[in-house]
Amino acid sequence: MDFHTEVVVIGGGVTGAGIARDLTLRGIESILVEKGDLAAGATGRCHGLLHSGGRYVVKDPESAKECIEENLILKKVASRNIEDTGGFFVRLPQDDKQYVETFLMACDDVGIETEFVSLSEARRMEPNLTEDAKEIIQVPDAAVDPFGLTLDNAADSEAGGGKVMRHTEAVEIIVERANVKAVVVKDKVTGETHRIRAKFVVNATGGWAENVASLSGAHVPLSLYKGSLLIFNRRINNRVINRLRPSGSGDIIVPNEPTSIIGTTSILVTDPENFKVTREEVEMMLAEAALMLPPSVDARVIRAYAGIRPLLGSIAGAGGDADENGRNISRSFSVIDHRVTDDIGGFISIVGGKLTTYRLMAEKVVDLIATALGVHNPCTTAEKPLPGAEDGKHYKLGDRFDKIEIAMKKEPTGIEEIVCECELVTKKEILKVIEETGTTDLNDIQHRTRVGMGSCQGGFCTYRLLGILHELGMVPDYEANDILIKFLEERWRGIRPILRGDQLVEEQLMEGIYLGLFALDKVEEREGDKKKKGNKK
């Protein structure tokens, strides 16, 4: 089947979704294609931090300025996906006192508001904060829901006539007479291929940007850095906690719904698909967390995960030495017009940047396209709220519980039964997602509801979720086990690096449930018996 549009956006992270929304708001037709689910790449594997710019302000003031300006914009237009926590930069005894003055001057230069907080006041605000802190500076950091932010951008694009194709991979970019003409995509569910004819193609695929660019014969010089993170089983801080020193590994802890996330590392890798969190990274980050928040020692780590930072540039630092951790490469972004770099017209790549700056990145890409198409409608994404953010109210911890309580008082019929106790996900929410998307992919449902993201990491709710799909007739018996095994294998990837103490005990319980009660280890044997019986008949 052939499709026709003006712009194809490849990549369904927050940047791609933001570009699709901006195009729609300016009256430019677009189709967004994503090989997995929306926010399945680096967007969904980040810290969930809405940067104030403080982490970059000394070494990378350009990126810091972009962050603080976008921070203030997003707090207005994307409020429902943002918890306005505020943040502390904390100097410990081993941190250079002279860095404090450098930090404050740099913040002042780019417009980041700062305020000294006494240790006694800081500990009143953050009871788990270490008593060893020497100086504490408050900045306007915040926490953001990357899944919700991406989904809202994509939904707003669709509401205005844009098309979004999930689980659809770009497999070829057709170039004729030095101009892109079409993108060939493959539906990963049905196996069908389609050709999308377009005037422009935007490569917004993050760590896969070099691979996608090569489909057209273009080149994007990327350095890929793995950033690993850990999720605690409870919320041990209510504000973003940073070390007041040059940015390093394991020096930031972000509150995320009922949990806290610590990170991150920065390790050079060669493949955006094949990487894992190591035990050494886990131990290092836990040790760093304990220095700022000592009670983290008693908190259970429920998951480790990692995302890929695609940074434009070589691995050589300013002094010529190998920059193995990428800390010297700018966190700003670049819009690459391949007409200039590779003599391929109509092809644009957007690389670098942060989740915090996604809207600005989208604006710059669409500015380039609009000028070429003769479209004079201005960008409105800095003023027009995303769906659900019209009232400007920020998310607050406990909002979901309040909504459930109100709903059950209005309609105490059982439809509000809780499927995931850890994250308070109701059956009604799950049914709504299934109705809207038609998906049977457990990860797709998880991204939209947080089912399985809590302390048990899906151990007690995954089979209930499958039961709902089975009741609806969407998952037959012979497919249910395969779906469950696939989900549990992905869960295991995030749990294996942190198996220790209470987490090891919980995993033994999960093993007892899924192997002892559900006998999943016998699935292949049972399927083999069915095939043998079928052959005899």
Protein backbone atom coordinates (compact mmCIF):
# COMPACT_ATOMS: atom_id res chain seq x y z
CA MET A 1 0.00 0.00 0.00
CA ASP A 2 1.25 3.50 -0.83
CA PHE A 3 0.80 6.57 1.36
CA HIS A 4 1.39 10.20 0.39
CA THR A 5 2.34 12.97 2.79
CA GLU A 6 4.57 16.02 3.01
CA VAL A 7 6.86 14.84 5.80
CA VAL A 8 7.81 11.42 7.16
CA VAL A 9 9.22 11.52 10.69
CA ILE A 10 11.21 8.40 11.60
CA GLY A 11 11.47 7.84 15.35
CA GLY A 12 8.72 7.88 17.97
CA GLY A 13 10.62 9.23 20.94
CA VAL A 14 9.70 12.57 22.46
CA THR A 15 11.64 14.48 19.79
CA GLY A 16 9.93 12.70 16.89
CA ALA A 17 6.52 13.10 18.52
CA GLY A 18 7.28 16.77 19.17
CA ILE A 19 8.22 17.28 15.53
CA ALA A 20 5.00 15.59 14.39
CA ARG A 21 2.94 17.85 16.66
CA ASP A 22 4.72 21.02 15.49
CA LEU A 23 4.20 20.05 11.83
CA THR A 24 0.49 19.47 12.43
CA LEU A 25 0.04 22.78 14.25
CA ARG A 26 1.62 24.58 11.29
CA GLY A 27 -0.66 22.81 8.81
CA ILE A 28 1.97 20.49 7.34
CA GLU A 29 0.92 16.89 6.68
CA SER A 30 3.04 14.22 8.36
CA ILE A 31 3.32 10.53 9.13
CA LEU A 32 5.31 9.41 12.17
CA VAL A 33 6.77 5.89 12.02
CA GLU A 34 8.29 4.06 14.98
CA LYS A 35 9.67 0.51 14.89
CA GLY A 36 8.51 -0.20 18.45
CA ASP A 37 6.11 1.61 20.72
CA LEU A 38 6.28 5.34 21.34
CA ALA A 39 9.02 6.28 23.86
CA ALA A 40 10.48 2.77 23.66
CA GLY A 41 14.06 3.98 23.12
CA ALA A 42 16.13 6.53 25.03
CA THR A 43 13.05 8.62 25.91
CA GLY A 44 11.58 5.80 27.99
CA ARG A 45 14.97 4.89 29.45
CA CYS A 46 15.96 8.25 30.87
CA HIS A 47 16.07 9.73 34.37
CA GLY A 48 12.73 11.47 34.05
CA LEU A 49 14.48 14.73 34.90
CA LEU A 50 13.33 18.13 33.69
CA HIS A 51 16.72 19.82 33.80
CA SER A 52 17.27 23.29 35.20
CA GLY A 53 20.57 23.25 33.31
CA GLY A 54 22.62 23.13 36.51
CA ARG A 55 24.45 19.94 35.56
CA TYR A 56 25.85 21.54 32.42
CA VAL A 57 26.14 25.17 33.40
CA VAL A 58 29.91 25.24 34.01
CA LYS A 59 31.20 23.12 31.13
CA ASP A 60 28.38 23.53 28.61
CA PRO A 61 26.60 26.87 29.16
CA GLU A 62 24.86 26.80 25.76
CA SER A 63 23.11 23.55 26.65
CA ALA A 64 22.35 24.85 30.16
CA LYS A 65 20.69 27.96 28.73
CA GLU A 66 18.54 25.84 26.42
CA CYS A 67 17.53 23.67 29.40
CA ILE A 68 16.43 26.47 31.72
CA GLU A 69 14.47 28.25 28.98
CA GLU A 70 12.68 25.03 27.96
CA ASN A 71 12.19 24.03 31.61
CA LEU A 72 10.09 27.15 32.17
CA ILE A 73 8.13 26.65 28.93
CA LEU A 74 7.32 22.99 29.58
CA LYS A 75 6.15 23.68 33.11
CA LYS A 76 3.39 25.73 31.47
CA VAL A 77 2.49 23.77 28.33
CA ALA A 78 3.10 20.20 29.60
CA SER A 79 2.11 20.68 33.22
CA ARG A 80 0.17 17.46 33.74
CA ASN A 81 3.30 15.40 32.98
CA ILE A 82 5.53 17.41 35.33
CA GLU A 83 5.94 17.25 39.09
CA ASP A 84 7.47 20.59 40.03
CA THR A 85 9.72 19.18 42.74
CA GLY A 86 12.57 21.67 42.71
CA GLY A 87 16.11 20.45 43.18
CA PHE A 88 19.12 20.65 45.51
CA PHE A 89 22.78 20.75 44.55
CA VAL A 90 24.60 19.36 47.58
CA ARG A 91 28.29 19.85 48.36
CA LEU A 92 29.86 17.09 50.44
CA PRO A 93 33.16 17.39 52.37
CA GLN A 94 35.12 15.75 49.54
CA ASP A 95 33.80 18.21 46.92
CA ASP A 96 35.79 21.27 45.91
CA LYS A 97 34.54 24.35 47.77
CA GLN A 98 35.84 26.64 45.03
CA TYR A 99 33.47 25.02 42.54
CA VAL A 100 30.52 26.60 44.40
CA GLU A 101 31.40 30.14 43.31
CA THR A 102 32.05 28.98 39.75
CA PHE A 103 28.68 27.24 39.71
CA LEU A 104 26.79 30.26 41.03
CA MET A 105 28.37 32.66 38.56
CA ALA A 106 27.66 30.30 35.66
CA CYS A 107 24.02 29.92 36.74
CA ASP A 108 23.65 33.69 36.94
CA ASP A 109 25.09 34.07 33.43
CA VAL A 110 22.49 31.80 31.80
CA GLY A 111 19.49 32.71 33.96
CA ILE A 112 19.17 29.75 36.37
CA GLU A 113 17.68 30.94 39.67
CA THR A 114 19.65 29.75 42.69
CA GLU A 115 19.20 30.07 46.43
CA PHE A 116 21.32 28.91 49.37
CA VAL A 117 19.42 26.70 51.80
CA SER A 118 20.64 26.09 55.35
CA LEU A 119 21.34 22.50 56.32
CA SER A 120 18.64 22.55 58.99
CA GLU A 121 16.04 23.87 56.52
CA ALA A 122 17.17 21.43 53.84
CA ARG A 123 16.83 18.49 56.22
CA ARG A 124 13.36 19.69 57.17
CA MET A 125 12.47 19.64 53.47
CA GLU A 126 14.42 16.42 52.80
CA PRO A 127 14.64 14.35 56.02
CA ASN A 128 16.84 11.70 54.39
CA LEU A 129 19.53 14.17 53.33
CA THR A 130 22.98 13.50 54.75
CA GLU A 131 24.12 15.49 57.77
CA ASP A 132 27.56 15.70 56.16
CA ALA A 133 26.38 18.26 53.60
CA LYS A 134 28.42 21.46 53.69
CA GLU A 135 26.47 23.67 51.28
CA ILE A 136 23.11 23.32 49.56
CA ILE A 137 21.86 25.35 46.61
CA GLN A 138 18.26 25.18 45.39
CA VAL A 139 17.50 25.21 41.64
CA PRO A 140 14.28 24.80 39.56
CA ASP A 141 14.75 21.13 38.59
CA ALA A 142 11.61 19.01 38.22
CA ALA A 143 10.49 15.45 37.45
CA VAL A 144 8.77 14.61 34.17
CA ASP A 145 6.86 11.59 32.86
CA PRO A 146 8.61 10.84 29.54
CA PHE A 147 5.94 8.36 28.41
CA GLY A 148 3.05 10.73 29.04
CA LEU A 149 4.89 13.62 27.41
CA THR A 150 5.55 11.61 24.25
CA LEU A 151 2.05 10.17 24.06
CA ASP A 152 0.45 13.60 24.50
CA ASN A 153 2.54 15.08 21.68
CA ALA A 154 1.64 12.19 19.35
CA ALA A 155 -2.04 12.37 20.31
CA ASP A 156 -2.17 16.10 19.58
CA SER A 157 -0.62 15.49 16.17
CA GLU A 158 -3.20 12.79 15.41
CA ALA A 159 -6.04 15.02 16.60
CA GLY A 160 -4.97 17.57 14.00
CA GLY A 161 -4.79 15.05 11.15
CA GLY A 162 -1.28 13.63 11.56
CA LYS A 163 -0.78 9.89 11.26
CA VAL A 164 1.19 7.73 13.71
CA MET A 165 2.34 4.23 12.72
CA ARG A 166 3.68 2.22 15.66
CA HIS A 167 5.57 -1.06 15.33
CA THR A 168 6.51 0.05 11.83
CA GLU A 169 10.17 0.05 10.84
CA ALA A 170 11.78 2.17 8.13
CA VAL A 171 13.74 -0.31 5.99
CA GLU A 172 14.62 1.84 2.96
CA ILE A 173 14.85 5.50 2.03
CA ILE A 174 14.44 6.01 -1.69
CA VAL A 175 16.57 8.78 -3.21
CA GLU A 176 16.15 9.90 -6.82
CA ARG A 177 18.16 12.66 -8.49
CA ALA A 178 19.73 13.67 -5.18
CA ASN A 179 16.35 14.08 -3.40
CA VAL A 180 14.42 11.79 -1.08
CA LYS A 181 11.24 10.51 -2.68
CA ALA A 182 9.84 7.90 -0.33
CA VAL A 183 10.36 5.71 2.72
CA VAL A 184 9.66 2.00 2.60
CA VAL A 185 8.36 0.73 5.95
CA LYS A 186 7.56 -2.71 7.31
CA ASP A 187 4.69 -3.44 9.68
CA LYS A 188 6.36 -5.62 12.32
CA VAL A 189 3.02 -7.12 13.39
CA THR A 190 1.64 -8.16 9.98
CA GLY A 191 4.89 -8.30 8.02
CA GLU A 192 3.43 -6.06 5.29
CA THR A 193 5.53 -3.38 3.61
CA HIS A 194 4.31 0.05 2.55
CA ARG A 195 5.78 2.92 0.58
CA ILE A 196 5.30 6.44 1.96
CA ARG A 197 5.96 9.14 -0.62
CA ALA A 198 7.04 12.47 0.87
CA LYS A 199 8.84 15.73 0.19
CA PHE A 200 10.84 15.57 3.42
CA VAL A 201 12.13 12.80 5.69
CA VAL A 202 13.23 13.58 9.25
CA ASN A 203 15.57 11.21 11.04
CA ALA A 204 14.76 11.56 14.77
CA THR A 205 15.93 8.13 15.88
CA GLY A 206 18.46 9.02 18.57
CA GLY A 207 21.03 6.25 18.95
CA TRP A 208 19.89 4.72 15.67
CA ALA A 209 20.39 7.97 13.69
CA GLU A 210 23.55 6.77 11.97
CA ASN A 211 21.91 3.47 10.98
CA VAL A 212 18.82 5.22 9.59
CA ALA A 213 20.88 7.86 7.77
CA SER A 214 22.79 5.09 6.01
CA LEU A 215 19.52 3.88 4.43
CA SER A 216 19.77 6.95 2.19
CA GLY A 217 23.53 6.89 1.78
CA ALA A 218 23.99 9.77 4.24
CA HIS A 219 26.28 9.83 7.28
CA VAL A 220 25.76 11.00 10.86
CA PRO A 221 28.93 10.90 13.02
CA LEU A 222 27.66 9.74 16.40
CA SER A 223 29.30 8.66 19.63
CA LEU A 224 27.04 6.37 21.67
CA TYR A 225 27.21 6.40 25.46
CA LYS A 226 25.34 4.02 27.73
CA GLY A 227 23.73 5.61 30.77
CA SER A 228 22.68 3.11 33.44
CA LEU A 229 20.14 3.83 36.19
CA LEU A 230 18.60 2.12 39.21
CA ILE A 231 15.05 2.29 40.56
CA PHE A 232 14.45 2.10 44.32
CA ASN A 233 11.31 0.46 45.71
CA ARG A 234 10.25 3.62 47.47
CA ARG A 235 10.53 7.37 47.23
CA ILE A 236 13.50 8.40 49.36
CA ASN A 237 13.62 12.04 48.22
CA ASN A 238 10.98 14.57 47.20
CA ARG A 239 13.33 16.91 45.33
CA VAL A 240 15.93 16.19 42.69
CA ILE A 241 19.24 15.72 44.54
CA ASN A 242 22.49 16.53 42.67
CA ARG A 243 26.11 16.57 43.80
CA LEU A 244 27.55 20.09 43.73
CA ARG A 245 30.59 19.19 41.64
CA PRO A 246 31.41 18.68 37.94
CA SER A 247 28.92 16.10 36.64
CA GLY A 248 29.98 12.50 37.08
CA SER A 249 28.51 9.04 37.56
CA GLY A 250 25.86 8.21 40.14
CA ASP A 251 25.53 11.79 41.34
CA ILE A 252 21.84 12.52 40.82
CA ILE A 253 18.68 11.06 42.36
CA VAL A 254 15.27 11.92 40.86
CA PRO A 255 11.90 11.30 42.56
CA ASN A 256 9.66 9.39 40.16
CA GLU A 257 6.06 8.76 41.22
CA PRO A 258 6.33 6.48 44.32
CA THR A 259 9.98 5.60 43.60
CA SER A 260 13.38 7.26 43.26
CA ILE A 261 15.83 6.80 40.39
CA ILE A 262 19.60 7.12 40.70
CA GLY A 263 22.04 7.55 37.86
CA THR A 264 23.75 7.73 35.73
CA THR A 265 26.86 6.30 34.15
CA SER A 266 28.37 7.24 30.80
CA ILE A 267 30.18 4.43 29.02
CA LEU A 268 31.15 4.35 25.34
CA VAL A 269 29.38 1.58 23.37
CA THR A 270 29.18 0.65 19.70
CA ASP A 271 25.67 -0.77 19.35
CA PRO A 272 22.38 0.96 20.34
CA GLU A 273 20.66 -2.44 20.70
CA ASN A 274 23.08 -4.70 22.56
CA PHE A 275 24.21 -3.47 25.97
CA LYS A 276 23.59 -4.34 29.59
CA VAL A 277 23.94 -2.90 33.07
CA THR A 278 26.94 -4.35 34.90
CA ARG A 279 27.24 -5.30 38.56
CA GLU A 280 30.11 -2.81 38.87
CA GLU A 281 27.84 0.04 37.77
CA VAL A 282 25.19 -1.03 40.27
CA GLU A 283 27.61 -1.11 43.20
CA MET A 284 29.13 2.25 42.25
CA MET A 285 25.77 4.01 42.00
CA LEU A 286 24.53 2.57 45.29
CA ALA A 287 27.68 3.79 47.03
CA GLU A 288 27.21 7.29 45.55
CA ALA A 289 23.54 7.39 46.54
CA ALA A 290 24.38 6.53 50.14
CA LEU A 291 26.69 9.56 50.38
CA MET A 292 23.81 11.97 49.65
CA LEU A 293 20.86 10.01 51.05
CA PRO A 294 22.11 7.50 53.68
CA PRO A 295 18.69 5.76 54.07
CA SER A 296 19.06 4.56 50.47
CA VAL A 297 21.22 1.78 51.95
CA ASP A 298 18.05 0.21 53.36
CA ALA A 299 15.95 0.75 50.23
CA ARG A 300 15.53 -2.17 47.86
CA VAL A 301 16.58 -1.72 44.24
CA ILE A 302 13.83 -3.17 42.05
CA ARG A 303 15.24 -2.62 38.57
CA ALA A 304 18.30 -1.59 36.60
CA TYR A 305 18.03 -0.21 33.10
CA ALA A 306 20.04 1.79 30.60
CA GLY A 307 19.54 4.12 27.69
CA ILE A 308 21.83 5.35 24.94
CA ARG A 309 22.96 8.97 24.66
CA PRO A 310 23.63 9.79 21.00
CA LEU A 311 26.20 12.59 21.09
CA LEU A 312 27.36 14.28 17.93
CA GLY A 313 31.15 14.32 17.60
CA SER A 314 34.24 12.18 17.97
CA ILE A 315 35.43 10.53 21.17
CA ALA A 316 38.29 12.97 21.42
CA GLY A 317 38.01 15.57 24.14
CA ALA A 318 39.15 19.17 23.87
CA GLY A 319 42.69 18.23 24.81
CA GLY A 320 42.88 15.44 22.27
CA ASP A 321 42.60 12.62 24.80
CA ALA A 322 39.95 9.96 24.36
CA ASP A 323 36.73 11.10 26.04
CA GLU A 324 35.70 7.64 27.15
CA ASN A 325 32.73 8.82 29.24
CA GLY A 326 31.49 11.55 26.88
CA ARG A 327 31.39 14.19 29.63
CA ASN A 328 33.27 16.66 27.40
CA ILE A 329 30.86 16.41 24.46
CA SER A 330 28.19 19.11 24.36
CA ARG A 331 24.64 18.17 25.36
CA SER A 332 23.29 20.73 22.88
CA PHE A 333 21.73 19.50 19.64
CA SER A 334 22.40 19.76 15.92
CA VAL A 335 20.01 19.88 12.98
CA ILE A 336 21.75 18.30 9.99
CA ASP A 337 20.53 19.26 6.52
CA HIS A 338 21.82 16.42 4.36
CA ARG A 339 21.51 18.57 1.25
CA VAL A 340 24.55 20.40 2.62
CA THR A 341 26.46 17.47 4.15
CA ASP A 342 25.65 14.62 1.75
CA ASP A 343 24.02 16.26 -1.29
CA ILE A 344 20.68 14.59 -0.47
CA GLY A 345 17.80 17.05 -0.57
CA GLY A 346 14.74 16.72 1.65
CA PHE A 347 16.54 14.68 4.31
CA ILE A 348 17.14 16.06 7.82
CA SER A 349 18.64 14.47 10.93
CA ILE A 350 18.24 15.83 14.46
CA VAL A 351 20.80 14.55 16.98
CA GLY A 352 21.99 15.31 20.51
CA GLY A 353 19.98 17.38 22.94
CA LYS A 354 18.00 16.36 26.01
CA LEU A 355 14.43 15.38 26.76
CA THR A 356 14.12 18.83 28.35
CA THR A 357 14.94 20.51 25.02
CA TYR A 358 12.80 18.31 22.75
CA ARG A 359 10.33 21.12 21.97
CA LEU A 360 13.08 23.51 20.88
CA MET A 361 14.66 20.76 18.79
CA ALA A 362 11.34 20.15 17.06
CA GLU A 363 10.86 23.86 16.45
CA LYS A 364 14.22 24.21 14.69
CA VAL A 365 13.57 21.18 12.47
CA VAL A 366 10.11 22.36 11.48
CA ASP A 367 11.38 25.90 10.86
CA LEU A 368 13.72 24.46 8.22
CA ILE A 369 10.97 22.41 6.58
CA ALA A 370 8.38 25.21 6.69
CA THR A 371 10.77 27.63 5.00
CA ALA A 372 11.47 25.14 2.22
CA LEU A 373 7.74 24.46 1.71
CA GLY A 374 6.83 28.15 1.76
CA VAL A 375 4.71 27.75 4.92
CA HIS A 376 4.69 30.92 7.00
CA ASN A 377 2.68 29.74 10.02
CA PRO A 378 4.77 30.42 13.16
CA CYS A 379 5.65 27.85 15.81
CA THR A 380 3.06 27.84 18.61
CA THR A 381 4.30 24.96 20.76
CA ALA A 382 5.77 27.33 23.36
CA GLU A 383 2.31 28.78 24.03
CA LYS A 384 -0.25 26.09 23.14
CA PRO A 385 -0.74 23.59 26.00
CA LEU A 386 -0.62 19.88 25.33
CA PRO A 387 -3.85 17.90 25.85
CA GLY A 388 -4.74 17.81 29.54
CA ALA A 389 -2.44 20.68 30.46
CA GLU A 390 -4.88 23.48 29.72
CA ASP A 391 -5.40 24.26 33.41
CA GLY A 392 -1.66 24.54 34.07
CA LYS A 393 -1.81 22.25 37.10
CA HIS A 394 1.27 20.14 37.77
CA TYR A 395 1.13 16.48 38.68
CA LYS A 396 1.22 15.72 42.39
CA LEU A 397 2.01 12.44 44.08
CA GLY A 398 -1.29 10.93 45.15
CA ASP A 399 -3.31 12.30 42.24
CA ARG A 400 -4.04 8.82 40.89
CA PHE A 401 -5.22 7.57 44.28
CA ASP A 402 -7.54 10.56 44.58
CA LYS A 403 -8.99 9.90 41.10
CA ILE A 404 -9.64 6.25 41.91
CA GLU A 405 -11.33 7.14 45.18
CA ILE A 406 -13.57 9.71 43.49
CA ALA A 407 -14.44 7.31 40.66
CA MET A 408 -15.35 4.49 43.03
CA LYS A 409 -17.67 6.77 44.99
CA LYS A 410 -19.43 7.71 41.77
CA GLU A 411 -19.58 4.19 40.33
CA PRO A 412 -18.95 1.43 42.89
CA THR A 413 -19.51 -1.34 40.34
CA GLY A 414 -16.19 -3.16 40.43
CA ILE A 415 -14.93 -1.67 37.15
CA GLU A 416 -12.41 0.28 39.27
CA GLU A 417 -10.85 -2.91 40.61
CA ILE A 418 -7.09 -2.60 41.01
CA VAL A 419 -5.02 -4.77 38.66
CA CYS A 420 -1.60 -3.45 39.73
CA GLU A 421 -1.47 -2.63 43.45
CA CYS A 422 2.06 -1.18 43.30
CA GLU A 423 1.10 1.55 40.82
CA LEU A 424 -2.67 1.70 41.51
CA VAL A 425 -3.57 0.81 37.93
CA THR A 426 -7.23 -0.05 37.50
CA LYS A 427 -8.95 -2.43 35.13
CA LYS A 428 -10.83 0.53 33.68
CA GLU A 429 -7.56 2.23 32.67
CA ILE A 430 -6.32 -0.94 31.02
CA LEU A 431 -9.58 -1.46 29.11
CA LYS A 432 -9.40 2.12 27.88
CA VAL A 433 -5.87 1.64 26.50
CA ILE A 434 -6.82 -1.63 24.82
CA GLU A 435 -9.88 -0.03 23.24
CA GLU A 436 -7.90 2.97 21.96
CA THR A 437 -4.87 1.08 20.63
CA GLY A 438 -6.10 -2.45 19.95
CA THR A 439 -2.76 -3.67 21.29
CA THR A 440 -2.01 -7.02 22.86
CA ASP A 441 1.59 -6.01 23.63
CA LEU A 442 2.07 -5.91 27.40
CA ASN A 443 4.84 -3.32 27.10
CA ASP A 444 2.54 -0.99 25.12
CA ILE A 445 -0.05 -1.20 27.90
CA GLN A 446 2.65 -0.72 30.54
CA HIS A 447 3.93 2.50 28.91
CA ARG A 448 0.44 3.97 29.00
CA THR A 449 -0.65 2.91 32.49
CA ARG A 450 2.52 2.06 34.53
CA VAL A 451 1.17 -1.45 35.14
CA GLY A 452 4.09 -3.64 36.22
CA MET A 453 6.44 -0.73 36.97
CA GLY A 454 6.18 -0.98 40.76
CA SER A 455 7.96 -2.94 43.46
CA CYS A 456 7.08 -6.40 42.17
CA GLN A 457 8.00 -5.42 38.60
CA GLY A 458 4.97 -7.14 37.14
CA GLY A 459 5.27 -10.29 39.20
CA PHE A 460 1.71 -10.16 40.55
CA CYS A 461 -0.10 -8.23 37.85
CA THR A 462 1.21 -9.53 34.53
CA TYR A 463 -0.90 -12.68 34.56
CA ARG A 464 -3.96 -10.60 35.52
CA LEU A 465 -3.31 -8.35 32.55
CA LEU A 466 -3.10 -11.38 30.27
CA GLY A 467 -6.35 -12.62 31.78
CA ILE A 468 -8.08 -9.40 30.73
CA LEU A 469 -6.79 -9.77 27.17
CA HIS A 470 -7.95 -13.38 27.13
CA GLU A 471 -11.42 -12.45 28.44
CA LEU A 472 -11.72 -9.96 25.58
CA GLY A 473 -10.86 -12.70 23.10
CA MET A 474 -7.71 -10.86 21.99
CA VAL A 475 -5.18 -13.46 23.14
CA PRO A 476 -5.85 -17.15 22.43
CA ASP A 477 -4.57 -19.85 24.79
CA TYR A 478 -1.70 -20.91 22.54
CA GLU A 479 -0.28 -17.36 22.36
CA ALA A 480 -0.69 -16.35 26.02
CA ASN A 481 2.33 -18.24 27.32
CA ASP A 482 4.60 -16.88 24.60
CA ILE A 483 3.51 -13.32 25.41
CA LEU A 484 4.04 -13.91 29.12
CA ILE A 485 7.48 -15.46 28.65
CA LYS A 486 8.61 -12.59 26.41
CA PHE A 487 7.50 -10.03 29.01
CA LEU A 488 9.17 -11.89 31.88
CA GLU A 489 12.43 -12.21 29.93
CA GLU A 490 12.52 -8.44 29.47
CA ARG A 491 11.76 -8.04 33.19
CA TRP A 492 14.64 -10.41 34.00
CA ARG A 493 17.10 -8.23 32.04
CA GLY A 494 16.43 -5.40 34.47
CA ILE A 495 16.47 -7.54 37.60
CA ARG A 496 19.48 -9.78 37.06
CA PRO A 497 22.13 -7.06 37.72
CA ILE A 498 20.60 -6.14 41.09
CA LEU A 499 19.91 -9.57 42.58
CA ARG A 500 20.88 -9.23 46.22
CA GLY A 501 19.24 -9.34 49.65
CA ASP A 502 15.46 -8.86 49.64
CA GLN A 503 15.35 -8.60 45.85
CA LEU A 504 16.81 -12.10 45.57
CA VAL A 505 14.15 -13.39 47.96
CA GLU A 506 11.38 -11.77 45.91
CA GLU A 507 12.77 -13.25 42.71
CA GLN A 508 12.67 -16.71 44.26
CA LEU A 509 9.00 -16.10 45.05
CA MET A 510 8.37 -15.05 41.44
CA GLU A 511 10.13 -18.18 40.25
CA GLY A 512 7.85 -20.25 42.47
CA ILE A 513 4.76 -18.59 41.01
CA TYR A 514 5.66 -18.78 37.34
CA LEU A 515 7.49 -22.10 37.30
CA GLY A 516 5.77 -23.88 40.16
CA LEU A 517 2.19 -22.64 39.79
CA PHE A 518 2.06 -21.79 36.06
CA ALA A 519 4.70 -24.34 34.96
CA LEU A 520 6.11 -21.98 32.34
CA ASP A 521 9.26 -24.09 32.13
CA LYS A 522 7.07 -26.88 30.70
CA VAL A 523 5.57 -24.75 27.92
CA GLU A 524 7.87 -25.97 25.12
CA GLU A 525 7.35 -29.58 26.23
CA ARG A 526 3.54 -29.18 26.18
CA GLU A 527 3.61 -27.41 22.83
CA GLY A 528 5.74 -30.24 21.46
CA ASP A 529 3.21 -32.82 22.66
CA LYS A 530 0.39 -30.90 20.95
CA LYS A 531 2.29 -30.90 17.67
CA LYS A 532 2.94 -34.64 17.91
CA LYS A 533 -0.76 -35.33 18.51
CA GLY A 534 -1.65 -33.12 15.60
CA ASN A 535 0.73 -34.99 13.30
CA LYS A 536 -0.76 -38.36 14.32
CA LYS A 537 -4.24 -37.16 13.46
